[in-house]
Amino acid sequence: MIETYNIWKLRGEQLDHASSSSATRMDSVEPIVDPNNQVIDIIQDAFPFASTNINHEREDDVPTPIDSAEFEQYEKLLKNANQELYPGCKSFSVLTAIVELMHGKIKYRMSNLCFDYFLVVFKRMLPMDNCLPKDHKHAQKLLNGLGLGYEKIHACKNNCMLFYKEHETLDTCTMCNESRFKMTSQNRTTKIPQKVMRYLPLKPRLQQLYMSMHTATDMR
């Protein structure tokens, strides 16, 4: 049946169930992807030296110098990517669980306090010896090693300016004189910024795109 053909049900025309059901079955078949393997691929992209030094094929290949702190971070991520969320869990490693939960947090705009609450509840639901992080701070700390970190920059409440570089030490906006920080009920200044911009540094992300075997050819 032609895909664009409209079936006139109100006039008694019947749908060809055999063809439609077979097409539905074919459309619903999707390749099975192991999220744990996907996370390991992400780690390899974040730390290209791992595959470069392990998989160099020619004898004249020179291994890339490795920074000790960077290698320590790589080993930590790899450990969490291979460690079961709890003994006997085959569906999630510690790292895949964190990635899934953080994805949901961002997608549904969940606050850090709300995220912390659900982590506490999830830890109580899981077996006692689970390895789920206890709060957002610890979860974010693990993901920062994947190059998913960001820089917080204070901004004017009215979007006039950023308190950045030469304006980093200012307490009021140079354009509207609005206070950089929130005020208490007693009209006292706190150290809580009124607005924060989260800046994703471009340079390290471009470097990863060029170094990743999955995206390097597309960057040329």
N, C-alpha and C. Protein backbone atom coordinates (compact mmCIF):
# COMPACT_ATOMS: atom_id res chain seq x y z
N MET A 1 0.84 -1.20 0.00
CA MET A 1 0.00 0.00 0.00
C MET A 1 0.88 1.25 0.00
N ILE A 2 0.47 2.25 -0.75
CA ILE A 2 1.21 3.50 -0.81
C ILE A 2 1.11 4.20 0.54
N GLU A 3 2.26 4.65 1.05
CA GLU A 3 2.31 5.22 2.39
C GLU A 3 1.45 6.48 2.52
N THR A 4 1.35 7.26 1.44
CA THR A 4 0.62 8.53 1.51
C THR A 4 -0.88 8.36 1.27
N TYR A 5 -1.33 7.12 1.02
CA TYR A 5 -2.74 6.88 0.73
C TYR A 5 -3.56 7.00 2.00
N ASN A 6 -4.68 7.72 1.92
CA ASN A 6 -5.59 7.88 3.06
C ASN A 6 -6.67 6.81 3.02
N ILE A 7 -6.86 6.11 4.13
CA ILE A 7 -7.87 5.05 4.22
C ILE A 7 -9.19 5.69 4.65
N TRP A 8 -10.25 5.47 3.86
CA TRP A 8 -11.55 6.08 4.12
C TRP A 8 -12.36 5.15 5.03
N LYS A 9 -12.10 5.20 6.31
CA LYS A 9 -12.76 4.30 7.26
C LYS A 9 -14.26 4.56 7.34
N LEU A 10 -14.66 5.84 7.27
CA LEU A 10 -16.08 6.18 7.39
C LEU A 10 -16.90 5.67 6.21
N ARG A 11 -16.23 5.34 5.11
CA ARG A 11 -16.92 4.82 3.93
C ARG A 11 -16.81 3.31 3.84
N GLY A 12 -16.32 2.69 4.90
CA GLY A 12 -16.29 1.24 4.95
C GLY A 12 -15.02 0.60 4.44
N GLU A 13 -14.02 1.40 4.05
CA GLU A 13 -12.78 0.82 3.54
C GLU A 13 -11.98 0.25 4.70
N GLN A 14 -11.44 -0.96 4.50
CA GLN A 14 -10.71 -1.67 5.55
C GLN A 14 -9.21 -1.53 5.37
N LEU A 15 -8.52 -1.50 6.49
CA LEU A 15 -7.06 -1.44 6.48
C LEU A 15 -6.50 -2.83 6.27
N ASP A 16 -5.47 -2.92 5.45
CA ASP A 16 -4.78 -4.19 5.23
C ASP A 16 -3.93 -4.49 6.46
N HIS A 17 -4.51 -5.29 7.40
CA HIS A 17 -3.85 -5.54 8.68
C HIS A 17 -2.54 -6.28 8.52
N ALA A 18 -2.49 -7.17 7.56
CA ALA A 18 -1.27 -7.98 7.39
C ALA A 18 -0.08 -7.12 7.03
N SER A 19 -0.33 -6.21 6.04
CA SER A 19 0.78 -5.38 5.59
C SER A 19 1.16 -4.35 6.64
N SER A 20 0.11 -3.79 7.33
CA SER A 20 0.41 -2.77 8.32
C SER A 20 1.11 -3.34 9.54
N SER A 21 0.69 -4.55 9.96
CA SER A 21 1.32 -5.15 11.14
C SER A 21 2.75 -5.53 10.86
N SER A 22 3.00 -6.04 9.62
CA SER A 22 4.37 -6.42 9.30
C SER A 22 5.25 -5.19 9.21
N ALA A 23 4.68 -4.10 8.66
CA ALA A 23 5.46 -2.86 8.56
C ALA A 23 5.76 -2.30 9.95
N THR A 24 4.73 -2.44 10.84
CA THR A 24 4.94 -1.96 12.21
C THR A 24 6.03 -2.74 12.90
N ARG A 25 6.01 -4.07 12.68
CA ARG A 25 7.04 -4.90 13.31
C ARG A 25 8.42 -4.53 12.80
N MET A 26 8.52 -4.29 11.49
CA MET A 26 9.82 -3.93 10.92
C MET A 26 10.30 -2.58 11.45
N ASP A 27 9.34 -1.62 11.59
CA ASP A 27 9.72 -0.30 12.06
C ASP A 27 10.14 -0.32 13.53
N SER A 28 9.53 -1.26 14.29
CA SER A 28 9.80 -1.28 15.72
C SER A 28 11.08 -2.00 16.08
N VAL A 29 11.69 -2.68 15.12
CA VAL A 29 12.93 -3.40 15.39
C VAL A 29 14.08 -2.41 15.44
N GLU A 30 14.73 -2.32 16.58
CA GLU A 30 15.85 -1.41 16.75
C GLU A 30 17.05 -2.18 17.27
N PRO A 31 18.23 -1.76 16.88
CA PRO A 31 19.42 -2.45 17.38
C PRO A 31 19.55 -2.28 18.89
N ILE A 32 19.97 -3.34 19.55
CA ILE A 32 20.16 -3.31 20.99
C ILE A 32 21.51 -2.67 21.30
N VAL A 33 21.47 -1.61 22.07
CA VAL A 33 22.69 -0.87 22.40
C VAL A 33 22.93 -0.98 23.90
N ASP A 34 24.11 -1.40 24.27
CA ASP A 34 24.48 -1.52 25.68
C ASP A 34 24.94 -0.15 26.17
N PRO A 35 24.19 0.47 27.11
CA PRO A 35 24.58 1.80 27.59
C PRO A 35 25.94 1.81 28.27
N ASN A 36 26.33 0.67 28.86
CA ASN A 36 27.63 0.60 29.52
C ASN A 36 28.76 0.74 28.49
N ASN A 37 28.59 0.10 27.32
CA ASN A 37 29.60 0.23 26.27
C ASN A 37 29.65 1.65 25.72
N GLN A 38 28.48 2.29 25.64
CA GLN A 38 28.44 3.66 25.15
C GLN A 38 29.21 4.60 26.07
N VAL A 39 29.08 4.40 27.37
CA VAL A 39 29.79 5.24 28.33
C VAL A 39 31.29 5.04 28.21
N ILE A 40 31.72 3.80 28.01
CA ILE A 40 33.16 3.53 27.84
C ILE A 40 33.67 4.23 26.58
N ASP A 41 32.85 4.26 25.52
CA ASP A 41 33.23 4.99 24.30
C ASP A 41 33.40 6.48 24.60
N ILE A 42 32.52 7.02 25.43
CA ILE A 42 32.61 8.43 25.80
C ILE A 42 33.91 8.70 26.55
N ILE A 43 34.28 7.77 27.43
CA ILE A 43 35.53 7.92 28.18
C ILE A 43 36.72 7.90 27.23
N GLN A 44 36.69 7.00 26.24
CA GLN A 44 37.78 6.93 25.27
C GLN A 44 37.88 8.24 24.48
N ASP A 45 36.73 8.85 24.20
CA ASP A 45 36.75 10.13 23.48
C ASP A 45 37.29 11.25 24.36
N ALA A 46 36.96 11.20 25.65
CA ALA A 46 37.42 12.24 26.57
C ALA A 46 38.91 12.12 26.87
N PHE A 47 39.43 10.88 26.76
CA PHE A 47 40.86 10.64 27.02
C PHE A 47 41.46 9.88 25.83
N PRO A 48 41.67 10.56 24.70
CA PRO A 48 42.16 9.89 23.49
C PRO A 48 43.50 9.19 23.68
N PHE A 49 44.29 9.61 24.66
CA PHE A 49 45.60 8.98 24.85
C PHE A 49 45.46 7.50 25.16
N ALA A 50 44.31 7.08 25.71
CA ALA A 50 44.13 5.68 26.09
C ALA A 50 44.19 4.77 24.87
N SER A 51 43.36 5.08 23.85
CA SER A 51 43.36 4.26 22.64
C SER A 51 44.60 4.51 21.80
N THR A 52 45.13 5.73 21.85
CA THR A 52 46.33 6.05 21.06
C THR A 52 47.53 5.25 21.52
N ASN A 53 47.70 5.14 22.84
CA ASN A 53 48.86 4.45 23.37
C ASN A 53 48.70 2.94 23.37
N ILE A 54 47.46 2.48 23.42
CA ILE A 54 47.23 1.04 23.47
C ILE A 54 47.18 0.43 22.07
N ASN A 55 46.61 1.19 21.12
CA ASN A 55 46.34 0.62 19.81
C ASN A 55 47.27 1.10 18.71
N HIS A 56 48.44 1.69 19.04
CA HIS A 56 49.33 2.12 17.96
C HIS A 56 49.84 0.88 17.24
N GLU A 57 49.77 0.92 15.92
CA GLU A 57 50.01 -0.27 15.12
C GLU A 57 51.44 -0.35 14.60
N ARG A 58 52.03 0.77 14.25
CA ARG A 58 53.35 0.72 13.67
C ARG A 58 54.42 0.80 14.75
N GLU A 59 55.58 0.24 14.45
CA GLU A 59 56.66 0.23 15.42
C GLU A 59 57.22 1.62 15.67
N ASP A 60 57.10 2.50 14.65
CA ASP A 60 57.65 3.84 14.81
C ASP A 60 56.67 4.81 15.47
N ASP A 61 55.48 4.30 15.84
CA ASP A 61 54.52 5.15 16.55
C ASP A 61 55.08 5.51 17.92
N VAL A 62 54.98 6.76 18.26
CA VAL A 62 55.48 7.23 19.55
C VAL A 62 54.28 7.45 20.48
N PRO A 63 54.23 6.77 21.63
CA PRO A 63 53.11 6.96 22.55
C PRO A 63 53.00 8.41 23.00
N THR A 64 51.76 8.87 23.15
CA THR A 64 51.52 10.24 23.58
C THR A 64 51.86 10.40 25.06
N PRO A 65 52.61 11.45 25.42
CA PRO A 65 52.91 11.69 26.84
C PRO A 65 51.61 11.83 27.64
N ILE A 66 51.57 11.23 28.81
CA ILE A 66 50.36 11.22 29.62
C ILE A 66 50.59 11.97 30.92
N ASP A 67 49.72 12.92 31.20
CA ASP A 67 49.77 13.64 32.46
C ASP A 67 49.27 12.73 33.58
N SER A 68 49.98 12.68 34.70
CA SER A 68 49.63 11.75 35.78
C SER A 68 48.25 12.03 36.36
N ALA A 69 47.90 13.30 36.53
CA ALA A 69 46.59 13.65 37.08
C ALA A 69 45.48 13.26 36.12
N GLU A 70 45.73 13.46 34.82
CA GLU A 70 44.75 13.11 33.80
C GLU A 70 44.55 11.60 33.74
N PHE A 71 45.65 10.86 33.85
CA PHE A 71 45.56 9.40 33.81
C PHE A 71 44.83 8.87 35.05
N GLU A 72 45.05 9.52 36.18
CA GLU A 72 44.35 9.12 37.41
C GLU A 72 42.85 9.32 37.27
N GLN A 73 42.46 10.43 36.63
CA GLN A 73 41.05 10.70 36.39
C GLN A 73 40.46 9.67 35.43
N TYR A 74 41.24 9.30 34.42
CA TYR A 74 40.80 8.29 33.45
C TYR A 74 40.57 6.95 34.14
N GLU A 75 41.49 6.54 35.00
CA GLU A 75 41.35 5.26 35.70
C GLU A 75 40.13 5.27 36.62
N LYS A 76 39.88 6.41 37.25
CA LYS A 76 38.73 6.52 38.14
C LYS A 76 37.42 6.38 37.37
N LEU A 77 37.33 7.04 36.22
CA LEU A 77 36.13 6.94 35.39
C LEU A 77 35.94 5.53 34.86
N LEU A 78 37.04 4.92 34.43
CA LEU A 78 36.95 3.56 33.89
C LEU A 78 36.50 2.59 34.98
N LYS A 79 36.98 2.80 36.19
CA LYS A 79 36.56 1.95 37.31
C LYS A 79 35.06 2.06 37.55
N ASN A 80 34.54 3.30 37.55
CA ASN A 80 33.11 3.52 37.77
C ASN A 80 32.28 3.02 36.60
N ALA A 81 32.87 3.01 35.40
CA ALA A 81 32.15 2.52 34.22
C ALA A 81 32.04 1.00 34.24
N ASN A 82 32.96 0.34 34.92
CA ASN A 82 32.96 -1.13 34.97
C ASN A 82 32.41 -1.68 36.29
N GLN A 83 32.23 -0.80 37.27
CA GLN A 83 31.74 -1.26 38.57
C GLN A 83 30.22 -1.33 38.57
N GLU A 84 29.67 -2.45 39.00
CA GLU A 84 28.22 -2.63 39.07
C GLU A 84 27.62 -1.65 40.08
N LEU A 85 26.42 -1.17 39.79
CA LEU A 85 25.74 -0.24 40.68
C LEU A 85 25.55 -0.87 42.07
N TYR A 86 25.27 -2.14 42.08
CA TYR A 86 25.25 -2.95 43.30
C TYR A 86 25.60 -4.37 42.88
N PRO A 87 26.11 -5.20 43.77
CA PRO A 87 26.53 -6.55 43.40
C PRO A 87 25.43 -7.33 42.70
N GLY A 88 25.73 -7.81 41.49
CA GLY A 88 24.76 -8.57 40.72
C GLY A 88 23.98 -7.75 39.71
N CYS A 89 24.12 -6.42 39.73
CA CYS A 89 23.41 -5.56 38.78
C CYS A 89 24.11 -5.59 37.43
N LYS A 90 23.41 -6.03 36.40
CA LYS A 90 23.99 -6.12 35.06
C LYS A 90 23.49 -5.00 34.13
N SER A 91 22.47 -4.28 34.56
CA SER A 91 21.88 -3.24 33.71
C SER A 91 22.60 -1.91 33.80
N PHE A 92 23.13 -1.61 34.98
CA PHE A 92 23.75 -0.30 35.18
C PHE A 92 25.08 -0.44 35.90
N SER A 93 26.06 0.30 35.41
CA SER A 93 27.29 0.50 36.18
C SER A 93 27.09 1.78 36.99
N VAL A 94 28.04 2.10 37.85
CA VAL A 94 27.93 3.33 38.63
C VAL A 94 27.85 4.54 37.70
N LEU A 95 28.69 4.56 36.67
CA LEU A 95 28.75 5.71 35.78
C LEU A 95 27.52 5.84 34.89
N THR A 96 27.02 4.71 34.36
CA THR A 96 25.82 4.79 33.51
C THR A 96 24.61 5.24 34.32
N ALA A 97 24.53 4.82 35.58
CA ALA A 97 23.43 5.26 36.44
C ALA A 97 23.48 6.77 36.64
N ILE A 98 24.68 7.29 36.89
CA ILE A 98 24.83 8.73 37.09
C ILE A 98 24.47 9.50 35.82
N VAL A 99 24.94 9.01 34.68
CA VAL A 99 24.66 9.69 33.40
C VAL A 99 23.15 9.72 33.14
N GLU A 100 22.45 8.60 33.37
CA GLU A 100 21.01 8.54 33.15
C GLU A 100 20.27 9.50 34.08
N LEU A 101 20.65 9.51 35.35
CA LEU A 101 19.98 10.37 36.32
C LEU A 101 20.24 11.85 36.03
N MET A 102 21.47 12.19 35.68
CA MET A 102 21.81 13.58 35.38
C MET A 102 21.11 14.04 34.10
N HIS A 103 20.95 13.13 33.15
CA HIS A 103 20.22 13.46 31.92
C HIS A 103 18.77 13.83 32.26
N GLY A 104 18.15 13.03 33.14
CA GLY A 104 16.78 13.34 33.55
C GLY A 104 16.69 14.65 34.31
N LYS A 105 17.68 14.93 35.13
CA LYS A 105 17.70 16.18 35.89
C LYS A 105 17.69 17.39 34.96
N ILE A 106 18.53 17.33 33.94
CA ILE A 106 18.64 18.45 33.00
C ILE A 106 17.40 18.54 32.12
N LYS A 107 16.93 17.39 31.64
CA LYS A 107 15.78 17.37 30.72
C LYS A 107 14.53 17.95 31.36
N TYR A 108 14.31 17.63 32.64
CA TYR A 108 13.10 18.07 33.33
C TYR A 108 13.36 19.22 34.30
N ARG A 109 14.52 19.86 34.16
CA ARG A 109 14.86 21.07 34.92
C ARG A 109 14.68 20.87 36.42
N MET A 110 15.27 19.81 36.92
CA MET A 110 15.17 19.48 38.33
C MET A 110 16.20 20.28 39.13
N SER A 111 15.80 20.82 40.25
CA SER A 111 16.74 21.57 41.09
C SER A 111 17.71 20.61 41.77
N ASN A 112 18.81 21.15 42.25
CA ASN A 112 19.80 20.32 42.95
C ASN A 112 19.22 19.70 44.22
N LEU A 113 18.38 20.47 44.94
CA LEU A 113 17.77 19.95 46.16
C LEU A 113 16.82 18.79 45.85
N CYS A 114 16.06 18.95 44.78
CA CYS A 114 15.14 17.88 44.36
C CYS A 114 15.93 16.64 43.94
N PHE A 115 17.01 16.85 43.22
CA PHE A 115 17.85 15.74 42.77
C PHE A 115 18.47 15.02 43.98
N ASP A 116 18.93 15.78 44.96
CA ASP A 116 19.49 15.19 46.18
C ASP A 116 18.46 14.33 46.90
N TYR A 117 17.22 14.82 46.94
CA TYR A 117 16.15 14.07 47.61
C TYR A 117 15.93 12.72 46.94
N PHE A 118 15.85 12.73 45.61
CA PHE A 118 15.60 11.47 44.90
C PHE A 118 16.78 10.52 45.01
N LEU A 119 17.99 11.05 45.06
CA LEU A 119 19.15 10.18 45.25
C LEU A 119 19.08 9.45 46.60
N VAL A 120 18.66 10.17 47.63
CA VAL A 120 18.50 9.55 48.95
C VAL A 120 17.44 8.45 48.90
N VAL A 121 16.32 8.74 48.23
CA VAL A 121 15.25 7.75 48.11
C VAL A 121 15.71 6.54 47.31
N PHE A 122 16.39 6.79 46.19
CA PHE A 122 16.88 5.68 45.36
C PHE A 122 17.87 4.80 46.13
N LYS A 123 18.73 5.42 46.91
CA LYS A 123 19.71 4.65 47.69
C LYS A 123 19.01 3.76 48.71
N ARG A 124 17.89 4.22 49.26
CA ARG A 124 17.13 3.41 50.20
C ARG A 124 16.41 2.27 49.50
N MET A 125 16.04 2.48 48.23
CA MET A 125 15.36 1.43 47.46
C MET A 125 16.31 0.33 47.03
N LEU A 126 17.55 0.72 46.74
CA LEU A 126 18.55 -0.23 46.25
C LEU A 126 19.12 -1.04 47.41
N PRO A 127 19.79 -2.16 47.10
CA PRO A 127 20.47 -2.93 48.15
C PRO A 127 21.43 -2.07 48.95
N MET A 128 21.67 -2.45 50.18
CA MET A 128 22.47 -1.65 51.11
C MET A 128 23.87 -1.34 50.58
N ASP A 129 24.45 -2.28 49.84
CA ASP A 129 25.83 -2.10 49.37
C ASP A 129 25.91 -1.48 47.98
N ASN A 130 24.92 -0.62 47.63
CA ASN A 130 24.95 0.06 46.33
C ASN A 130 25.99 1.18 46.34
N CYS A 131 26.40 1.59 45.15
CA CYS A 131 27.45 2.61 44.99
C CYS A 131 26.92 3.91 44.40
N LEU A 132 25.62 4.15 44.49
CA LEU A 132 25.03 5.38 43.96
C LEU A 132 25.53 6.58 44.78
N PRO A 133 25.93 7.67 44.11
CA PRO A 133 26.39 8.86 44.85
C PRO A 133 25.31 9.36 45.80
N LYS A 134 25.73 9.97 46.89
CA LYS A 134 24.78 10.40 47.91
C LYS A 134 24.12 11.74 47.59
N ASP A 135 24.72 12.54 46.70
CA ASP A 135 24.13 13.83 46.36
C ASP A 135 24.63 14.32 45.00
N HIS A 136 24.07 15.44 44.56
CA HIS A 136 24.40 16.00 43.25
C HIS A 136 25.86 16.40 43.17
N LYS A 137 26.40 16.91 44.24
CA LYS A 137 27.79 17.37 44.25
C LYS A 137 28.74 16.23 43.88
N HIS A 138 28.54 15.05 44.48
CA HIS A 138 29.41 13.91 44.21
C HIS A 138 29.18 13.35 42.80
N ALA A 139 27.93 13.40 42.34
CA ALA A 139 27.62 12.93 40.98
C ALA A 139 28.26 13.82 39.94
N GLN A 140 28.16 15.14 40.13
CA GLN A 140 28.74 16.09 39.18
C GLN A 140 30.25 15.99 39.17
N LYS A 141 30.84 15.72 40.32
CA LYS A 141 32.30 15.60 40.41
C LYS A 141 32.81 14.47 39.54
N LEU A 142 32.07 13.37 39.47
CA LEU A 142 32.47 12.25 38.63
C LEU A 142 32.35 12.60 37.15
N LEU A 143 31.29 13.33 36.78
CA LEU A 143 31.08 13.66 35.38
C LEU A 143 32.03 14.73 34.87
N ASN A 144 32.57 15.54 35.75
CA ASN A 144 33.50 16.59 35.32
C ASN A 144 34.71 16.01 34.60
N GLY A 145 35.09 14.79 34.95
CA GLY A 145 36.22 14.15 34.29
C GLY A 145 35.96 13.82 32.84
N LEU A 146 34.68 13.81 32.44
CA LEU A 146 34.33 13.54 31.04
C LEU A 146 34.32 14.81 30.20
N GLY A 147 34.73 15.91 30.79
CA GLY A 147 34.71 17.17 30.05
C GLY A 147 33.33 17.79 30.01
N LEU A 148 32.47 17.41 30.96
CA LEU A 148 31.10 17.93 30.99
C LEU A 148 30.93 19.04 32.03
N GLY A 149 32.03 19.59 32.49
CA GLY A 149 31.95 20.65 33.47
C GLY A 149 31.61 21.99 32.84
N TYR A 150 31.36 22.96 33.68
CA TYR A 150 31.05 24.31 33.20
C TYR A 150 31.58 25.33 34.20
N GLU A 151 31.63 26.56 33.75
CA GLU A 151 32.13 27.66 34.59
C GLU A 151 30.96 28.58 34.93
N LYS A 152 30.81 28.89 36.21
CA LYS A 152 29.74 29.78 36.65
C LYS A 152 30.20 31.24 36.59
N ILE A 153 29.41 32.08 35.94
CA ILE A 153 29.72 33.50 35.84
C ILE A 153 28.51 34.30 36.32
N HIS A 154 28.70 35.16 37.29
CA HIS A 154 27.61 35.98 37.79
C HIS A 154 27.17 36.99 36.72
N ALA A 155 25.86 37.24 36.68
CA ALA A 155 25.32 38.16 35.68
C ALA A 155 24.39 39.17 36.35
N CYS A 156 24.19 40.28 35.69
CA CYS A 156 23.25 41.28 36.18
C CYS A 156 21.83 40.72 36.13
N LYS A 157 21.03 41.04 37.12
CA LYS A 157 19.65 40.56 37.17
C LYS A 157 18.86 40.98 35.93
N ASN A 158 19.21 42.15 35.37
CA ASN A 158 18.50 42.68 34.20
C ASN A 158 19.20 42.37 32.88
N ASN A 159 20.17 41.46 32.94
CA ASN A 159 20.90 41.01 31.73
C ASN A 159 21.73 42.12 31.08
N CYS A 160 22.16 43.09 31.86
CA CYS A 160 22.96 44.18 31.30
C CYS A 160 24.40 43.77 31.05
N MET A 161 24.98 43.00 31.96
CA MET A 161 26.40 42.70 31.87
C MET A 161 26.73 41.43 32.65
N LEU A 162 27.97 40.97 32.44
CA LEU A 162 28.51 39.85 33.19
C LEU A 162 29.58 40.36 34.14
N PHE A 163 29.60 39.81 35.33
CA PHE A 163 30.67 40.14 36.28
C PHE A 163 31.84 39.21 35.98
N TYR A 164 32.58 39.59 34.94
CA TYR A 164 33.59 38.71 34.37
C TYR A 164 34.80 39.52 33.94
N LYS A 165 35.97 38.90 34.03
CA LYS A 165 37.23 39.55 33.67
C LYS A 165 37.41 40.87 34.43
N GLU A 166 37.43 42.01 33.72
CA GLU A 166 37.70 43.28 34.40
C GLU A 166 36.57 43.69 35.34
N HIS A 167 35.39 43.06 35.21
CA HIS A 167 34.25 43.39 36.07
C HIS A 167 34.03 42.34 37.17
N GLU A 168 34.96 41.43 37.30
CA GLU A 168 34.76 40.29 38.21
C GLU A 168 34.64 40.70 39.67
N THR A 169 35.27 41.79 40.06
CA THR A 169 35.27 42.20 41.48
C THR A 169 34.17 43.21 41.82
N LEU A 170 33.38 43.62 40.84
CA LEU A 170 32.33 44.62 41.08
C LEU A 170 31.15 44.01 41.83
N ASP A 171 30.45 44.85 42.60
CA ASP A 171 29.28 44.40 43.36
C ASP A 171 27.97 44.94 42.79
N THR A 172 28.06 45.90 41.85
CA THR A 172 26.86 46.46 41.23
C THR A 172 27.06 46.56 39.73
N CYS A 173 25.95 46.56 39.02
CA CYS A 173 25.99 46.66 37.56
C CYS A 173 26.42 48.07 37.15
N THR A 174 27.29 48.17 36.17
CA THR A 174 27.79 49.47 35.71
C THR A 174 26.76 50.22 34.87
N MET A 175 25.68 49.53 34.47
CA MET A 175 24.69 50.16 33.59
C MET A 175 23.41 50.53 34.34
N CYS A 176 22.91 49.64 35.20
CA CYS A 176 21.64 49.91 35.89
C CYS A 176 21.79 50.02 37.40
N ASN A 177 23.01 49.83 37.89
CA ASN A 177 23.30 49.93 39.33
C ASN A 177 22.60 48.87 40.18
N GLU A 178 22.11 47.84 39.55
CA GLU A 178 21.48 46.73 40.28
C GLU A 178 22.55 45.95 41.04
N SER A 179 22.21 45.53 42.25
CA SER A 179 23.15 44.77 43.07
C SER A 179 23.46 43.41 42.44
N ARG A 180 24.69 43.03 42.53
CA ARG A 180 25.11 41.72 42.02
C ARG A 180 24.53 40.58 42.87
N PHE A 181 24.37 40.84 44.16
CA PHE A 181 23.94 39.80 45.10
C PHE A 181 22.53 40.06 45.61
N LYS A 182 21.91 39.01 46.08
CA LYS A 182 20.56 39.11 46.65
C LYS A 182 20.61 39.84 47.99
N MET A 183 19.46 40.44 48.33
CA MET A 183 19.36 41.18 49.58
C MET A 183 18.48 40.40 50.56
N THR A 184 18.77 40.53 51.85
CA THR A 184 17.96 39.89 52.88
C THR A 184 16.75 40.77 53.20
N SER A 185 15.86 40.26 54.04
CA SER A 185 14.68 41.04 54.43
C SER A 185 15.06 42.29 55.22
N GLN A 186 16.26 42.27 55.84
CA GLN A 186 16.75 43.44 56.56
C GLN A 186 17.56 44.36 55.65
N ASN A 187 17.44 44.14 54.34
CA ASN A 187 18.11 44.96 53.34
C ASN A 187 19.64 44.87 53.44
N ARG A 188 20.11 43.69 53.79
CA ARG A 188 21.54 43.45 53.86
C ARG A 188 21.97 42.59 52.67
N THR A 189 23.16 42.85 52.20
CA THR A 189 23.66 42.12 51.03
C THR A 189 24.18 40.74 51.43
N THR A 190 23.79 39.75 50.67
CA THR A 190 24.31 38.40 50.87
C THR A 190 25.40 38.13 49.84
N LYS A 191 25.93 36.94 49.84
CA LYS A 191 26.91 36.54 48.84
C LYS A 191 26.28 35.58 47.81
N ILE A 192 24.96 35.60 47.77
CA ILE A 192 24.24 34.77 46.80
C ILE A 192 23.95 35.60 45.56
N PRO A 193 24.48 35.24 44.40
CA PRO A 193 24.26 36.04 43.18
C PRO A 193 22.79 36.02 42.76
N GLN A 194 22.34 37.12 42.18
CA GLN A 194 20.96 37.20 41.71
C GLN A 194 20.74 36.38 40.44
N LYS A 195 21.77 36.31 39.61
CA LYS A 195 21.66 35.52 38.38
C LYS A 195 23.02 34.93 38.05
N VAL A 196 23.01 33.69 37.57
CA VAL A 196 24.25 32.99 37.24
C VAL A 196 24.16 32.43 35.82
N MET A 197 25.18 32.69 35.04
CA MET A 197 25.28 32.10 33.70
C MET A 197 26.26 30.93 33.77
N ARG A 198 25.90 29.82 33.17
CA ARG A 198 26.78 28.65 33.12
C ARG A 198 27.44 28.59 31.74
N TYR A 199 28.74 28.78 31.75
CA TYR A 199 29.51 28.87 30.51
C TYR A 199 30.21 27.55 30.23
N LEU A 200 30.00 27.02 29.04
CA LEU A 200 30.65 25.79 28.62
C LEU A 200 31.88 26.16 27.80
N PRO A 201 33.08 26.00 28.34
CA PRO A 201 34.30 26.38 27.61
C PRO A 201 34.37 25.69 26.25
N LEU A 202 34.63 26.48 25.21
CA LEU A 202 34.61 25.95 23.85
C LEU A 202 35.88 25.19 23.50
N LYS A 203 37.02 25.69 23.93
CA LYS A 203 38.31 25.11 23.52
C LYS A 203 38.45 23.63 23.84
N PRO A 204 38.22 23.19 25.09
CA PRO A 204 38.37 21.75 25.36
C PRO A 204 37.38 20.89 24.60
N ARG A 205 36.19 21.44 24.32
CA ARG A 205 35.20 20.66 23.57
C ARG A 205 35.62 20.49 22.11
N LEU A 206 36.19 21.53 21.53
CA LEU A 206 36.71 21.42 20.17
C LEU A 206 37.88 20.44 20.11
N GLN A 207 38.73 20.48 21.12
CA GLN A 207 39.86 19.56 21.17
C GLN A 207 39.38 18.12 21.20
N GLN A 208 38.33 17.85 21.98
CA GLN A 208 37.80 16.50 22.05
C GLN A 208 37.20 16.07 20.72
N LEU A 209 36.54 17.00 20.02
CA LEU A 209 35.97 16.66 18.72
C LEU A 209 37.05 16.29 17.72
N TYR A 210 38.17 16.98 17.75
CA TYR A 210 39.27 16.69 16.84
C TYR A 210 40.00 15.41 17.22
N MET A 211 40.05 15.09 18.51
CA MET A 211 40.78 13.91 18.96
C MET A 211 39.96 12.64 18.94
N SER A 212 38.62 12.78 18.95
CA SER A 212 37.77 11.59 18.97
C SER A 212 37.77 10.90 17.61
N MET A 213 37.89 9.58 17.64
CA MET A 213 37.89 8.83 16.38
C MET A 213 36.51 8.84 15.73
N HIS A 214 35.47 9.18 16.51
CA HIS A 214 34.11 9.21 15.97
C HIS A 214 33.79 10.52 15.24
N THR A 215 34.47 11.60 15.58
CA THR A 215 34.13 12.91 15.02
C THR A 215 35.28 13.61 14.32
N ALA A 216 36.49 13.07 14.41
CA ALA A 216 37.67 13.75 13.85
C ALA A 216 37.53 14.00 12.35
N THR A 217 37.01 13.01 11.60
CA THR A 217 36.89 13.16 10.15
C THR A 217 35.88 14.24 9.78
N ASP A 218 34.85 14.43 10.61
CA ASP A 218 33.83 15.45 10.33
C ASP A 218 34.32 16.86 10.62
N MET A 219 35.43 16.99 11.35
CA MET A 219 35.94 18.30 11.73
C MET A 219 36.90 18.87 10.69
N ARG A 220 37.23 18.09 9.67
CA ARG A 220 38.18 18.57 8.66
C ARG A 220 37.52 19.55 7.71
